[in-house]
Amino acid sequence: MKNIEILPKDIWNDDKLNKINEFVKQHSDNQSKERKIRNKLLSIQYKLEDYIERDDIKENELLDILDFVKLYLKVFDISKKDLAKYFGMRDSNLHKYLTGKRKLNSEVVLKISSFSRTKPEYWYRVQVKNEIVKLKTEDIKKYDKYDYEKLLSI
C-alpha cells in the first residue's frame, strides 16, 4: 500500500477558501458597530506591538508614531487637526511629536495612550526603535576620534 501525501492545496482549494471568506464576512456584518470598532482597535494595537517587537526592520521600513495615530483617526473618522484641538495643542506642534521631529514627552504620550487605549510605553518604544534602526545605519568610524584613549594621549 502506497502512502499518499496530502498537500495543503488538496484541503484548501479556492471553493473552500471562498466559503470561509463568505462566512467571516457574514459574521462580521452581524456584529454591532461597537464590536467592529473594538476589532479595528485591536488590529491596530497588534500592528503596533508587532512593529515594536520586530528585529528585522530596515531604515526604509520605519513607521512614525503618526502612521499608527492615522490608523486610529481613520477608525473614528476624525482629523489630526481635531485630535490636536482635543489634546489642547496646535496641529503643527502635535505633528512634530508624531513625526519624530520633537522627542515625545510624558504629557503627549499619556494623551495618545489614553486616546488609543494602549500602554504609554508602546509610544516611547516606537520612538526608541526608530532611533536604534537609524543608529545602525550610521557610519560609526567617524566617531573613532572620540575614543577615550585619544583624549588621554593629548
Protein backbone atom coordinates (compact mmCIF):
# COMPACT_ATOMS: atom_id res chain seq x y z
CA MET A 1 0.00 0.00 0.00
CA LYS A 2 1.41 3.31 -1.07
CA ASN A 3 1.29 6.37 1.21
CA ILE A 4 -0.05 9.45 -0.49
CA GLU A 5 0.99 12.81 0.82
CA ILE A 6 -1.85 15.26 1.37
CA LEU A 7 -0.90 18.76 0.35
CA PRO A 8 -2.46 21.98 1.66
CA LYS A 9 -3.89 22.67 -1.80
CA ASP A 10 -5.82 19.38 -1.50
CA ILE A 11 -7.59 20.69 1.60
CA TRP A 12 -7.76 24.44 0.99
CA ASN A 13 -8.94 24.84 -2.55
CA ASP A 14 -10.46 28.08 -3.89
CA ASP A 15 -14.01 26.93 -3.26
CA LYS A 16 -13.37 26.22 0.43
CA LEU A 17 -11.47 29.47 0.88
CA ASN A 18 -14.35 31.40 -0.70
CA LYS A 19 -16.82 29.72 1.65
CA ILE A 20 -14.69 30.61 4.66
CA ASN A 21 -14.36 34.20 3.49
CA GLU A 22 -18.12 34.38 2.99
CA PHE A 23 -18.73 33.01 6.48
CA VAL A 24 -16.33 35.53 8.03
CA LYS A 25 -17.97 38.39 6.12
CA GLN A 26 -21.45 37.31 7.23
CA HIS A 27 -20.28 37.05 10.83
CA SER A 28 -18.63 40.47 10.60
CA ASP A 29 -21.74 42.05 9.08
CA ASN A 30 -23.80 40.82 12.03
CA GLN A 31 -21.53 42.46 14.63
CA SER A 32 -22.52 45.65 16.38
CA LYS A 33 -20.86 48.94 15.45
CA GLU A 34 -19.08 48.97 18.82
CA ARG A 35 -17.72 45.47 18.25
CA LYS A 36 -16.46 46.38 14.78
CA ILE A 37 -14.67 49.41 16.24
CA ARG A 38 -13.16 47.29 19.02
CA ASN A 39 -11.91 44.77 16.42
CA LYS A 40 -10.29 47.55 14.39
CA LEU A 41 -8.65 48.98 17.52
CA LEU A 42 -7.29 45.55 18.44
CA SER A 43 -5.93 45.17 14.92
CA ILE A 44 -4.06 48.47 15.24
CA GLN A 45 -2.74 47.50 18.66
CA TYR A 46 -1.42 44.21 17.25
CA LYS A 47 0.29 46.09 14.40
CA LEU A 48 1.86 48.42 16.95
CA GLU A 49 3.05 45.54 19.13
CA ASP A 50 4.38 43.65 16.11
CA TYR A 51 6.30 46.70 14.92
CA ILE A 52 7.87 47.16 18.34
CA GLU A 53 8.90 43.51 18.62
CA ARG A 54 10.29 43.03 15.11
CA ASP A 55 14.07 42.88 14.85
CA ASP A 56 14.30 42.93 11.06
CA ILE A 57 13.09 46.47 10.32
CA LYS A 58 15.21 48.42 7.87
CA GLU A 59 15.51 52.20 7.72
CA ASN A 60 13.24 52.41 4.67
CA GLU A 61 10.55 50.48 6.59
CA LEU A 62 10.38 52.80 9.60
CA LEU A 63 6.96 53.92 10.73
CA ASP A 64 6.41 57.15 12.59
CA ILE A 65 4.07 57.39 15.52
CA LEU A 66 1.94 59.38 13.09
CA ASP A 67 1.48 56.27 10.93
CA PHE A 68 -0.17 54.47 13.85
CA VAL A 69 -2.15 57.50 15.03
CA LYS A 70 -3.55 57.89 11.49
CA LEU A 71 -4.96 54.37 11.77
CA TYR A 72 -6.82 55.37 14.93
CA LEU A 73 -8.03 58.59 13.33
CA LYS A 74 -9.40 56.64 10.38
CA VAL A 75 -11.39 54.33 12.68
CA PHE A 76 -13.01 57.30 14.40
CA ASP A 77 -13.26 59.37 11.22
CA ILE A 78 -11.56 62.41 12.74
CA SER A 79 -8.69 64.56 11.53
CA LYS A 80 -5.31 65.13 13.09
CA LYS A 81 -6.34 68.76 13.49
CA ASP A 82 -9.37 67.65 15.53
CA LEU A 83 -7.14 65.45 17.67
CA ALA A 84 -4.71 68.31 18.28
CA LYS A 85 -7.59 70.54 19.34
CA TYR A 86 -8.90 67.79 21.63
CA PHE A 87 -5.41 67.48 23.16
CA GLY A 88 -5.26 71.26 23.64
CA MET A 89 -2.37 71.64 21.19
CA ARG A 90 -1.68 73.29 17.88
CA ASP A 91 -1.79 70.88 14.94
CA SER A 92 1.74 71.80 13.89
CA ASN A 93 3.05 71.10 17.39
CA LEU A 94 1.36 67.69 17.59
CA HIS A 95 2.64 66.88 14.09
CA LYS A 96 6.24 67.44 15.21
CA TYR A 97 5.81 64.95 18.05
CA LEU A 98 4.10 62.37 15.86
CA THR A 99 6.74 62.55 13.12
CA GLY A 100 9.71 62.43 15.48
CA LYS A 101 10.88 65.99 14.83
CA ARG A 102 10.38 66.51 18.58
CA LYS A 103 11.01 63.90 21.23
CA LEU A 104 7.92 62.63 22.97
CA ASN A 105 7.29 63.82 26.48
CA SER A 106 5.15 62.14 29.12
CA GLU A 107 2.20 64.51 28.63
CA VAL A 108 1.92 63.79 24.90
CA VAL A 109 2.46 60.07 25.45
CA LEU A 110 -0.25 59.90 28.09
CA LYS A 111 -2.69 61.75 25.84
CA ILE A 112 -2.01 59.42 22.90
CA SER A 113 -2.13 56.41 25.19
CA SER A 114 -5.44 57.42 26.72
CA PHE A 115 -6.91 58.23 23.30
CA SER A 116 -5.82 54.89 21.80
CA ARG A 117 -6.29 52.85 24.99
CA THR A 118 -2.78 51.47 24.70
CA LYS A 119 0.13 51.28 27.11
CA PRO A 120 2.15 54.51 27.28
CA GLU A 121 5.42 52.65 26.86
CA TYR A 122 4.38 51.50 23.37
CA TRP A 123 4.75 55.03 22.05
CA TYR A 124 8.17 55.52 23.64
CA ARG A 125 9.24 52.14 22.29
CA VAL A 126 8.30 53.14 18.73
CA GLN A 127 10.42 56.27 19.11
CA VAL A 128 13.40 54.35 20.55
CA LYS A 129 13.07 51.56 17.98
CA ASN A 130 13.27 54.08 15.15
CA GLU A 131 16.31 55.74 16.70
CA ILE A 132 18.08 52.37 17.08
CA VAL A 133 17.38 51.42 13.45
CA LYS A 134 18.79 54.77 12.30
CA LEU A 135 21.78 54.34 14.62
CA LYS A 136 22.62 51.01 12.99
CA THR A 137 22.98 52.74 9.62
CA GLU A 138 25.23 55.49 10.99
CA ASP A 139 28.91 55.47 9.97
CA ILE A 140 30.48 54.82 13.36
CA LYS A 141 34.03 55.18 12.04
CA LYS A 142 33.67 58.96 12.01
CA TYR A 143 33.22 58.82 15.79
CA ASP A 144 36.50 56.98 16.40
CA LYS A 145 38.13 60.33 17.10
CA TYR A 146 36.15 60.46 20.37
CA ASP A 147 37.76 57.32 21.77
CA TYR A 148 38.91 57.93 25.35
CA GLU A 149 42.46 56.78 24.54
CA LYS A 150 42.78 59.64 22.07
CA LEU A 151 41.71 62.06 24.79
CA LEU A 152 44.19 60.63 27.28
CA SER A 153 47.06 60.84 24.79
CA ILE A 154 46.67 64.62 24.45
